[in-house]
Amino acid sequence: YFPWSKCISGKQGKNPGFDPLKIMISVAHANGMKIEAWINPYR
């Protein structure tokens, strides 16, 4: 539904070559920490 964020790849729509959320979930859970996905709905 949404393009890749420029905040991770430097340009909106550009694939960074990895999935940040997948990595963040794996790291958080491996360290016994919960993780929530934060969205800004209208901006």
All heavy atoms as atom14 arrays in JSON, in Angstrom:
{
  "sequence": "YFPWSKCISGKQGKNPGFDPLKIMISVAHANGMKIEAWINPYR",
  "atom14_mask": [
    [1, 1, 1, 1, 1, 1, 1, 1, 1, 1, 1, 1, 0, 0],
    [1, 1, 1, 1, 1, 1, 1, 1, 1, 1, 1, 0, 0, 0],
    [1, 1, 1, 1, 1, 1, 1, 0, 0, 0, 0, 0, 0, 0],
    [1, 1, 1, 1, 1, 1, 1, 1, 1, 1, 1, 1, 1, 1],
    [1, 1, 1, 1, 1, 1, 0, 0, 0, 0, 0, 0, 0, 0],
    [1, 1, 1, 1, 1, 1, 1, 1, 1, 0, 0, 0, 0, 0],
    [1, 1, 1, 1, 1, 1, 0, 0, 0, 0, 0, 0, 0, 0],
    [1, 1, 1, 1, 1, 1, 1, 1, 0, 0, 0, 0, 0, 0],
    [1, 1, 1, 1, 1, 1, 0, 0, 0, 0, 0, 0, 0, 0],
    [1, 1, 1, 1, 0, 0, 0, 0, 0, 0, 0, 0, 0, 0],
    [1, 1, 1, 1, 1, 1, 1, 1, 1, 0, 0, 0, 0, 0],
    [1, 1, 1, 1, 1, 1, 1, 1, 1, 0, 0, 0, 0, 0],
    [1, 1, 1, 1, 0, 0, 0, 0, 0, 0, 0, 0, 0, 0],
    [1, 1, 1, 1, 1, 1, 1, 1, 1, 0, 0, 0, 0, 0],
    [1, 1, 1, 1, 1, 1, 1, 1, 0, 0, 0, 0, 0, 0],
    [1, 1, 1, 1, 1, 1, 1, 0, 0, 0, 0, 0, 0, 0],
    [1, 1, 1, 1, 0, 0, 0, 0, 0, 0, 0, 0, 0, 0],
    [1, 1, 1, 1, 1, 1, 1, 1, 1, 1, 1, 0, 0, 0],
    [1, 1, 1, 1, 1, 1, 1, 1, 0, 0, 0, 0, 0, 0],
    [1, 1, 1, 1, 1, 1, 1, 0, 0, 0, 0, 0, 0, 0],
    [1, 1, 1, 1, 1, 1, 1, 1, 0, 0, 0, 0, 0, 0],
    [1, 1, 1, 1, 1, 1, 1, 1, 1, 0, 0, 0, 0, 0],
    [1, 1, 1, 1, 1, 1, 1, 1, 0, 0, 0, 0, 0, 0],
    [1, 1, 1, 1, 1, 1, 1, 1, 0, 0, 0, 0, 0, 0],
    [1, 1, 1, 1, 1, 1, 1, 1, 0, 0, 0, 0, 0, 0],
    [1, 1, 1, 1, 1, 1, 0, 0, 0, 0, 0, 0, 0, 0],
    [1, 1, 1, 1, 1, 1, 1, 0, 0, 0, 0, 0, 0, 0],
    [1, 1, 1, 1, 1, 0, 0, 0, 0, 0, 0, 0, 0, 0],
    [1, 1, 1, 1, 1, 1, 1, 1, 1, 1, 0, 0, 0, 0],
    [1, 1, 1, 1, 1, 0, 0, 0, 0, 0, 0, 0, 0, 0],
    [1, 1, 1, 1, 1, 1, 1, 1, 0, 0, 0, 0, 0, 0],
    [1, 1, 1, 1, 0, 0, 0, 0, 0, 0, 0, 0, 0, 0],
    [1, 1, 1, 1, 1, 1, 1, 1, 0, 0, 0, 0, 0, 0],
    [1, 1, 1, 1, 1, 1, 1, 1, 1, 0, 0, 0, 0, 0],
    [1, 1, 1, 1, 1, 1, 1, 1, 0, 0, 0, 0, 0, 0],
    [1, 1, 1, 1, 1, 1, 1, 1, 1, 0, 0, 0, 0, 0],
    [1, 1, 1, 1, 1, 0, 0, 0, 0, 0, 0, 0, 0, 0],
    [1, 1, 1, 1, 1, 1, 1, 1, 1, 1, 1, 1, 1, 1],
    [1, 1, 1, 1, 1, 1, 1, 1, 0, 0, 0, 0, 0, 0],
    [1, 1, 1, 1, 1, 1, 1, 1, 0, 0, 0, 0, 0, 0],
    [1, 1, 1, 1, 1, 1, 1, 0, 0, 0, 0, 0, 0, 0],
    [1, 1, 1, 1, 1, 1, 1, 1, 1, 1, 1, 1, 0, 0],
    [1, 1, 1, 1, 1, 1, 1, 1, 1, 1, 1, 0, 0, 0]
  ],
  "atom14_positions": [
    [[0.8, -1.22, 0.0], [0.0, 0.0, 0.0], [0.84, 1.28, 0.0], [0.42, 2.28, -0.57], [-0.92, 0.03, 1.23], [-1.89, -1.13, 1.29], [-1.72, -2.15, 2.22], [-2.97, -1.19, 0.42], [-2.61, -3.21, 2.28], [-3.87, -2.25, 0.47], [-3.67, -3.26, 1.41], [-4.55, -4.32, 1.45], [0.0, 0.0, 0.0], [0.0, 0.0, 0.0]],
    [[1.98, 1.25, 0.65], [2.79, 2.46, 0.84], [4.2, 2.26, 0.3], [4.75, 1.16, 0.36], [2.86, 2.82, 2.33], [1.52, 3.11, 2.95], [0.83, 2.12, 3.63], [0.94, 4.36, 2.83], [-0.41, 2.38, 4.21], [-0.3, 4.63, 3.39], [-0.98, 3.64, 4.08], [0.0, 0.0, 0.0], [0.0, 0.0, 0.0], [0.0, 0.0, 0.0]],
    [[4.83, 3.33, -0.2], [6.19, 3.22, -0.73], [7.21, 3.13, 0.41], [6.94, 3.51, 1.55], [6.37, 4.54, -1.49], [5.49, 5.5, -0.76], [4.29, 4.71, -0.33], [0.0, 0.0, 0.0], [0.0, 0.0, 0.0], [0.0, 0.0, 0.0], [0.0, 0.0, 0.0], [0.0, 0.0, 0.0], [0.0, 0.0, 0.0], [0.0, 0.0, 0.0]],
    [[8.4, 2.63, 0.08], [9.49, 2.62, 1.06], [9.77, 4.05, 1.53], [9.71, 5.0, 0.77], [10.76, 2.04, 0.44], [10.77, 0.55, 0.3], [10.6, -0.17, -0.85], [10.96, -0.4, 1.34], [10.67, -1.52, -0.58], [10.9, -1.7, 0.76], [11.18, -0.31, 2.72], [11.05, -2.87, 1.48], [11.33, -1.48, 3.46], [11.26, -2.73, 2.84]],
    [[10.1, 4.17, 2.79], [10.36, 5.48, 3.38], [11.74, 6.01, 3.0], [12.73, 5.27, 3.01], [10.25, 5.4, 4.9], [10.61, 6.64, 5.48], [0.0, 0.0, 0.0], [0.0, 0.0, 0.0], [0.0, 0.0, 0.0], [0.0, 0.0, 0.0], [0.0, 0.0, 0.0], [0.0, 0.0, 0.0], [0.0, 0.0, 0.0], [0.0, 0.0, 0.0]],
    [[11.8, 7.3, 2.73], [13.09, 7.93, 2.46], [13.96, 7.95, 3.71], [15.19, 8.07, 3.62], [12.9, 9.36, 1.96], [12.33, 10.32, 3.0], [12.25, 11.74, 2.47], [11.72, 12.71, 3.53], [11.64, 14.1, 3.03], [0.0, 0.0, 0.0], [0.0, 0.0, 0.0], [0.0, 0.0, 0.0], [0.0, 0.0, 0.0], [0.0, 0.0, 0.0]],
    [[13.35, 7.81, 4.88], [14.11, 7.84, 6.13], [15.04, 6.64, 6.27], [16.02, 6.71, 7.02], [13.16, 7.91, 7.33], [12.1, 9.36, 7.35], [0.0, 0.0, 0.0], [0.0, 0.0, 0.0], [0.0, 0.0, 0.0], [0.0, 0.0, 0.0], [0.0, 0.0, 0.0], [0.0, 0.0, 0.0], [0.0, 0.0, 0.0], [0.0, 0.0, 0.0]],
    [[14.75, 5.56, 5.55], [15.61, 4.39, 5.63], [16.47, 4.21, 4.38], [17.59, 3.69, 4.45], [14.8, 3.09, 5.91], [15.73, 1.94, 6.26], [13.89, 2.74, 4.74], [16.54, 2.15, 7.52], [0.0, 0.0, 0.0], [0.0, 0.0, 0.0], [0.0, 0.0, 0.0], [0.0, 0.0, 0.0], [0.0, 0.0, 0.0], [0.0, 0.0, 0.0]],
    [[15.98, 4.68, 3.23], [16.73, 4.46, 1.99], [17.31, 5.75, 1.39], [18.12, 5.69, 0.47], [15.84, 3.79, 0.95], [14.79, 4.66, 0.56], [0.0, 0.0, 0.0], [0.0, 0.0, 0.0], [0.0, 0.0, 0.0], [0.0, 0.0, 0.0], [0.0, 0.0, 0.0], [0.0, 0.0, 0.0], [0.0, 0.0, 0.0], [0.0, 0.0, 0.0]],
    [[16.88, 6.9, 1.9], [17.35, 8.17, 1.37], [16.46, 8.76, 0.31], [16.56, 9.95, 0.0], [0.0, 0.0, 0.0], [0.0, 0.0, 0.0], [0.0, 0.0, 0.0], [0.0, 0.0, 0.0], [0.0, 0.0, 0.0], [0.0, 0.0, 0.0], [0.0, 0.0, 0.0], [0.0, 0.0, 0.0], [0.0, 0.0, 0.0], [0.0, 0.0, 0.0]],
    [[15.55, 7.96, -0.25], [14.63, 8.44, -1.27], [13.34, 7.65, -1.16], [13.36, 6.42, -1.14], [15.24, 8.27, -2.67], [14.34, 8.77, -3.79], [15.01, 8.57, -5.15], [14.12, 9.07, -6.28], [14.75, 8.87, -7.61], [0.0, 0.0, 0.0], [0.0, 0.0, 0.0], [0.0, 0.0, 0.0], [0.0, 0.0, 0.0], [0.0, 0.0, 0.0]],
    [[12.22, 8.36, -1.11], [10.95, 7.66, -1.0], [10.73, 6.75, -2.2], [10.92, 7.15, -3.35], [9.78, 8.64, -0.87], [8.48, 7.95, -0.5], [7.32, 8.92, -0.31], [6.62, 9.25, -1.26], [7.13, 9.37, 0.93], [0.0, 0.0, 0.0], [0.0, 0.0, 0.0], [0.0, 0.0, 0.0], [0.0, 0.0, 0.0], [0.0, 0.0, 0.0]],
    [[10.34, 5.51, -1.91], [10.09, 4.53, -2.95], [11.28, 3.64, -3.26], [11.15, 2.61, -3.93], [0.0, 0.0, 0.0], [0.0, 0.0, 0.0], [0.0, 0.0, 0.0], [0.0, 0.0, 0.0], [0.0, 0.0, 0.0], [0.0, 0.0, 0.0], [0.0, 0.0, 0.0], [0.0, 0.0, 0.0], [0.0, 0.0, 0.0], [0.0, 0.0, 0.0]],
    [[12.46, 4.02, -2.76], [13.66, 3.23, -3.01], [13.78, 2.1, -2.0], [13.74, 2.32, -0.79], [14.91, 4.11, -2.94], [16.21, 3.36, -3.2], [17.41, 4.29, -3.06], [18.72, 3.54, -3.26], [19.9, 4.42, -3.08], [0.0, 0.0, 0.0], [0.0, 0.0, 0.0], [0.0, 0.0, 0.0], [0.0, 0.0, 0.0], [0.0, 0.0, 0.0]],
    [[13.93, 0.88, -2.48], [14.07, -0.29, -1.62], [15.43, -0.25, -0.93], [16.46, -0.18, -1.6], [13.95, -1.56, -2.47], [13.85, -2.82, -1.63], [14.37, -2.89, -0.52], [13.18, -3.83, -2.16], [0.0, 0.0, 0.0], [0.0, 0.0, 0.0], [0.0, 0.0, 0.0], [0.0, 0.0, 0.0], [0.0, 0.0, 0.0], [0.0, 0.0, 0.0]],
    [[15.48, -0.32, 0.39], [16.78, -0.26, 1.08], [17.57, -1.55, 0.96], [18.74, -1.6, 1.35], [16.37, 0.0, 2.54], [15.03, -0.61, 2.67], [14.36, -0.38, 1.34], [0.0, 0.0, 0.0], [0.0, 0.0, 0.0], [0.0, 0.0, 0.0], [0.0, 0.0, 0.0], [0.0, 0.0, 0.0], [0.0, 0.0, 0.0], [0.0, 0.0, 0.0]],
    [[16.93, -2.61, 0.46], [17.62, -3.89, 0.31], [17.46, -4.81, 1.49], [18.0, -5.92, 1.52], [0.0, 0.0, 0.0], [0.0, 0.0, 0.0], [0.0, 0.0, 0.0], [0.0, 0.0, 0.0], [0.0, 0.0, 0.0], [0.0, 0.0, 0.0], [0.0, 0.0, 0.0], [0.0, 0.0, 0.0], [0.0, 0.0, 0.0], [0.0, 0.0, 0.0]],
    [[16.7, -4.4, 2.47], [16.4, -5.23, 3.63], [15.1, -4.73, 4.24], [14.6, -3.65, 3.89], [17.53, -5.2, 4.66], [17.85, -3.83, 5.2], [17.31, -3.39, 6.41], [18.71, -2.97, 4.52], [17.6, -2.13, 6.9], [19.01, -1.7, 5.01], [18.46, -1.28, 6.21], [0.0, 0.0, 0.0], [0.0, 0.0, 0.0], [0.0, 0.0, 0.0]],
    [[14.53, -5.51, 5.15], [13.26, -5.17, 5.78], [13.52, -4.71, 7.22], [13.72, -5.53, 8.11], [12.33, -6.39, 5.77], [10.92, -6.07, 6.23], [10.76, -5.2, 7.1], [9.97, -6.71, 5.73], [0.0, 0.0, 0.0], [0.0, 0.0, 0.0], [0.0, 0.0, 0.0], [0.0, 0.0, 0.0], [0.0, 0.0, 0.0], [0.0, 0.0, 0.0]],
    [[13.56, -3.4, 7.47], [13.86, -2.91, 8.81], [12.93, -3.44, 9.9], [13.39, -3.8, 10.98], [13.73, -1.39, 8.66], [13.98, -1.13, 7.23], [13.38, -2.3, 6.51], [0.0, 0.0, 0.0], [0.0, 0.0, 0.0], [0.0, 0.0, 0.0], [0.0, 0.0, 0.0], [0.0, 0.0, 0.0], [0.0, 0.0, 0.0], [0.0, 0.0, 0.0]],
    [[11.63, -3.47, 9.63], [10.7, -3.91, 10.66], [10.93, -5.38, 11.03], [10.91, -5.74, 12.21], [9.25, -3.71, 10.19], [8.17, -4.12, 11.21], [8.37, -3.42, 12.54], [6.77, -3.83, 10.65], [0.0, 0.0, 0.0], [0.0, 0.0, 0.0], [0.0, 0.0, 0.0], [0.0, 0.0, 0.0], [0.0, 0.0, 0.0], [0.0, 0.0, 0.0]],
    [[11.19, -6.21, 10.05], [11.47, -7.61, 10.32], [12.69, -7.76, 11.22], [12.7, -8.55, 12.18], [11.69, -8.36, 9.0], [11.9, -9.86, 9.16], [12.05, -10.53, 7.8], [12.27, -12.04, 7.95], [12.41, -12.68, 6.61], [0.0, 0.0, 0.0], [0.0, 0.0, 0.0], [0.0, 0.0, 0.0], [0.0, 0.0, 0.0], [0.0, 0.0, 0.0]],
    [[13.73, -7.0, 10.94], [14.95, -7.05, 11.74], [14.68, -6.52, 13.15], [15.11, -7.13, 14.15], [16.07, -6.23, 11.07], [16.52, -6.92, 9.78], [17.26, -6.05, 12.02], [17.48, -6.1, 8.94], [0.0, 0.0, 0.0], [0.0, 0.0, 0.0], [0.0, 0.0, 0.0], [0.0, 0.0, 0.0], [0.0, 0.0, 0.0], [0.0, 0.0, 0.0]],
    [[13.95, -5.43, 13.25], [13.68, -4.83, 14.56], [12.87, -5.77, 15.45], [13.13, -5.89, 16.65], [12.98, -3.49, 14.39], [13.88, -2.42, 13.8], [13.17, -0.74, 13.79], [11.9, -0.9, 12.54], [0.0, 0.0, 0.0], [0.0, 0.0, 0.0], [0.0, 0.0, 0.0], [0.0, 0.0, 0.0], [0.0, 0.0, 0.0], [0.0, 0.0, 0.0]],
    [[11.9, -6.45, 14.87], [11.1, -7.41, 15.64], [11.97, -8.54, 16.14], [11.9, -8.93, 17.32], [9.94, -7.95, 14.78], [8.92, -6.84, 14.5], [9.26, -9.13, 15.47], [7.88, -7.21, 13.46], [0.0, 0.0, 0.0], [0.0, 0.0, 0.0], [0.0, 0.0, 0.0], [0.0, 0.0, 0.0], [0.0, 0.0, 0.0], [0.0, 0.0, 0.0]],
    [[12.81, -9.07, 15.27], [13.69, -10.18, 15.63], [14.63, -9.79, 16.77], [14.8, -10.53, 17.75], [14.49, -10.62, 14.41], [15.44, -11.62, 14.75], [0.0, 0.0, 0.0], [0.0, 0.0, 0.0], [0.0, 0.0, 0.0], [0.0, 0.0, 0.0], [0.0, 0.0, 0.0], [0.0, 0.0, 0.0], [0.0, 0.0, 0.0], [0.0, 0.0, 0.0]],
    [[15.24, -8.62, 16.66], [16.19, -8.16, 17.68], [15.48, -7.89, 19.0], [15.96, -8.28, 20.08], [16.94, -6.91, 17.19], [17.75, -6.29, 18.32], [17.84, -7.25, 16.01], [0.0, 0.0, 0.0], [0.0, 0.0, 0.0], [0.0, 0.0, 0.0], [0.0, 0.0, 0.0], [0.0, 0.0, 0.0], [0.0, 0.0, 0.0], [0.0, 0.0, 0.0]],
    [[14.35, -7.21, 18.94], [13.62, -6.88, 20.16], [13.2, -8.15, 20.9], [13.45, -8.29, 22.11], [12.39, -6.02, 19.83], [0.0, 0.0, 0.0], [0.0, 0.0, 0.0], [0.0, 0.0, 0.0], [0.0, 0.0, 0.0], [0.0, 0.0, 0.0], [0.0, 0.0, 0.0], [0.0, 0.0, 0.0], [0.0, 0.0, 0.0], [0.0, 0.0, 0.0]],
    [[12.59, -9.07, 20.21], [12.11, -10.29, 20.86], [13.26, -11.16, 21.36], [13.14, -11.81, 22.41], [11.21, -11.07, 19.9], [9.86, -10.42, 19.71], [8.98, -10.8, 18.72], [9.24, -9.43, 20.4], [7.88, -10.07, 18.8], [8.02, -9.23, 19.8], [0.0, 0.0, 0.0], [0.0, 0.0, 0.0], [0.0, 0.0, 0.0], [0.0, 0.0, 0.0]],
    [[14.36, -11.18, 20.64], [15.53, -11.96, 21.07], [16.1, -11.42, 22.37], [16.74, -12.14, 23.13], [16.6, -11.94, 19.98], [0.0, 0.0, 0.0], [0.0, 0.0, 0.0], [0.0, 0.0, 0.0], [0.0, 0.0, 0.0], [0.0, 0.0, 0.0], [0.0, 0.0, 0.0], [0.0, 0.0, 0.0], [0.0, 0.0, 0.0], [0.0, 0.0, 0.0]],
    [[15.84, -10.15, 22.64], [16.33, -9.51, 23.86], [15.24, -9.34, 24.91], [15.39, -8.56, 25.86], [16.96, -8.17, 23.53], [18.32, -8.31, 22.88], [19.34, -8.45, 23.56], [18.36, -8.31, 21.55], [0.0, 0.0, 0.0], [0.0, 0.0, 0.0], [0.0, 0.0, 0.0], [0.0, 0.0, 0.0], [0.0, 0.0, 0.0], [0.0, 0.0, 0.0]],
    [[14.13, -10.05, 24.73], [13.06, -10.02, 25.72], [12.3, -8.72, 25.8], [11.77, -8.35, 26.84], [0.0, 0.0, 0.0], [0.0, 0.0, 0.0], [0.0, 0.0, 0.0], [0.0, 0.0, 0.0], [0.0, 0.0, 0.0], [0.0, 0.0, 0.0], [0.0, 0.0, 0.0], [0.0, 0.0, 0.0], [0.0, 0.0, 0.0], [0.0, 0.0, 0.0]],
    [[12.24, -7.99, 24.68], [11.56, -6.71, 24.66], [10.4, -6.73, 23.68], [10.51, -7.28, 22.59], [12.53, -5.59, 24.28], [11.92, -4.19, 24.32], [13.15, -2.88, 24.06], [13.96, -2.85, 25.66], [0.0, 0.0, 0.0], [0.0, 0.0, 0.0], [0.0, 0.0, 0.0], [0.0, 0.0, 0.0], [0.0, 0.0, 0.0], [0.0, 0.0, 0.0]],
    [[9.27, -6.17, 24.07], [8.13, -6.05, 23.17], [8.39, -4.91, 22.18], [9.2, -4.03, 22.42], [6.85, -5.79, 23.95], [6.38, -6.99, 24.77], [5.03, -6.73, 25.42], [4.55, -7.98, 26.15], [3.2, -7.78, 26.76], [0.0, 0.0, 0.0], [0.0, 0.0, 0.0], [0.0, 0.0, 0.0], [0.0, 0.0, 0.0], [0.0, 0.0, 0.0]],
    [[7.65, -4.96, 21.08], [7.84, -3.95, 20.04], [6.49, -3.56, 19.45], [5.66, -4.42, 19.14], [8.82, -4.43, 18.95], [9.06, -3.34, 17.91], [8.34, -5.72, 18.31], [10.22, -3.65, 16.97], [0.0, 0.0, 0.0], [0.0, 0.0, 0.0], [0.0, 0.0, 0.0], [0.0, 0.0, 0.0], [0.0, 0.0, 0.0], [0.0, 0.0, 0.0]],
    [[6.27, -2.26, 19.31], [5.04, -1.74, 18.72], [5.36, -0.96, 17.46], [6.38, -0.25, 17.4], [4.3, -0.84, 19.72], [3.85, -1.59, 20.98], [3.03, -0.71, 21.91], [2.65, 0.41, 21.51], [2.78, -1.15, 23.05], [0.0, 0.0, 0.0], [0.0, 0.0, 0.0], [0.0, 0.0, 0.0], [0.0, 0.0, 0.0], [0.0, 0.0, 0.0]],
    [[4.49, -1.08, 16.46], [4.66, -0.37, 15.19], [3.9, 0.95, 15.26], [2.68, 0.97, 15.45], [4.15, -1.23, 14.04], [0.0, 0.0, 0.0], [0.0, 0.0, 0.0], [0.0, 0.0, 0.0], [0.0, 0.0, 0.0], [0.0, 0.0, 0.0], [0.0, 0.0, 0.0], [0.0, 0.0, 0.0], [0.0, 0.0, 0.0], [0.0, 0.0, 0.0]],
    [[4.62, 2.03, 15.07], [4.09, 3.39, 15.23], [3.8, 4.01, 13.87], [4.68, 4.1, 13.02], [5.11, 4.19, 16.02], [5.03, 5.67, 16.07], [3.97, 6.47, 15.78], [6.09, 6.54, 16.47], [4.3, 7.79, 15.97], [5.59, 7.86, 16.4], [7.41, 6.34, 16.9], [6.38, 8.96, 16.72], [8.17, 7.44, 17.22], [7.66, 8.74, 17.14]],
    [[2.56, 4.43, 13.68], [2.17, 5.05, 12.41], [1.58, 6.44, 12.64], [0.99, 6.72, 13.68], [1.15, 4.19, 11.63], [-0.2, 4.15, 12.37], [1.67, 2.78, 11.39], [-1.33, 3.55, 11.55], [0.0, 0.0, 0.0], [0.0, 0.0, 0.0], [0.0, 0.0, 0.0], [0.0, 0.0, 0.0], [0.0, 0.0, 0.0], [0.0, 0.0, 0.0]],
    [[1.79, 7.32, 11.67], [1.08, 8.59, 11.61], [0.02, 8.44, 10.52], [0.37, 8.33, 9.35], [2.03, 9.73, 11.28], [3.04, 9.99, 12.37], [4.22, 9.73, 12.22], [2.58, 10.48, 13.51], [0.0, 0.0, 0.0], [0.0, 0.0, 0.0], [0.0, 0.0, 0.0], [0.0, 0.0, 0.0], [0.0, 0.0, 0.0], [0.0, 0.0, 0.0]],
    [[-1.24, 8.39, 10.87], [-2.26, 8.03, 9.88], [-2.49, 9.02, 8.76], [-2.61, 8.63, 7.6], [-3.52, 7.87, 10.75], [-3.28, 8.69, 11.97], [-1.8, 8.6, 12.21], [0.0, 0.0, 0.0], [0.0, 0.0, 0.0], [0.0, 0.0, 0.0], [0.0, 0.0, 0.0], [0.0, 0.0, 0.0], [0.0, 0.0, 0.0], [0.0, 0.0, 0.0]],
    [[-2.56, 10.31, 9.08], [-2.97, 11.3, 8.09], [-1.82, 12.07, 7.43], [-1.99, 12.64, 6.35], [-3.92, 12.32, 8.72], [-5.23, 11.74, 9.21], [-5.7, 12.04, 10.49], [-6.01, 10.91, 8.41], [-6.91, 11.54, 10.96], [-7.22, 10.41, 8.86], [-7.66, 10.71, 10.14], [-8.86, 10.21, 10.6], [0.0, 0.0, 0.0], [0.0, 0.0, 0.0]],
    [[-0.67, 12.12, 8.07], [0.42, 12.95, 7.55], [1.05, 12.34, 6.29], [1.47, 11.18, 6.28], [1.49, 13.12, 8.63], [2.59, 14.09, 8.25], [3.49, 14.39, 9.43], [4.24, 13.23, 9.91], [5.0, 13.22, 11.0], [5.09, 14.31, 11.73], [5.64, 12.14, 11.36], [0.0, 0.0, 0.0], [0.0, 0.0, 0.0], [0.0, 0.0, 0.0]]
  ]
}
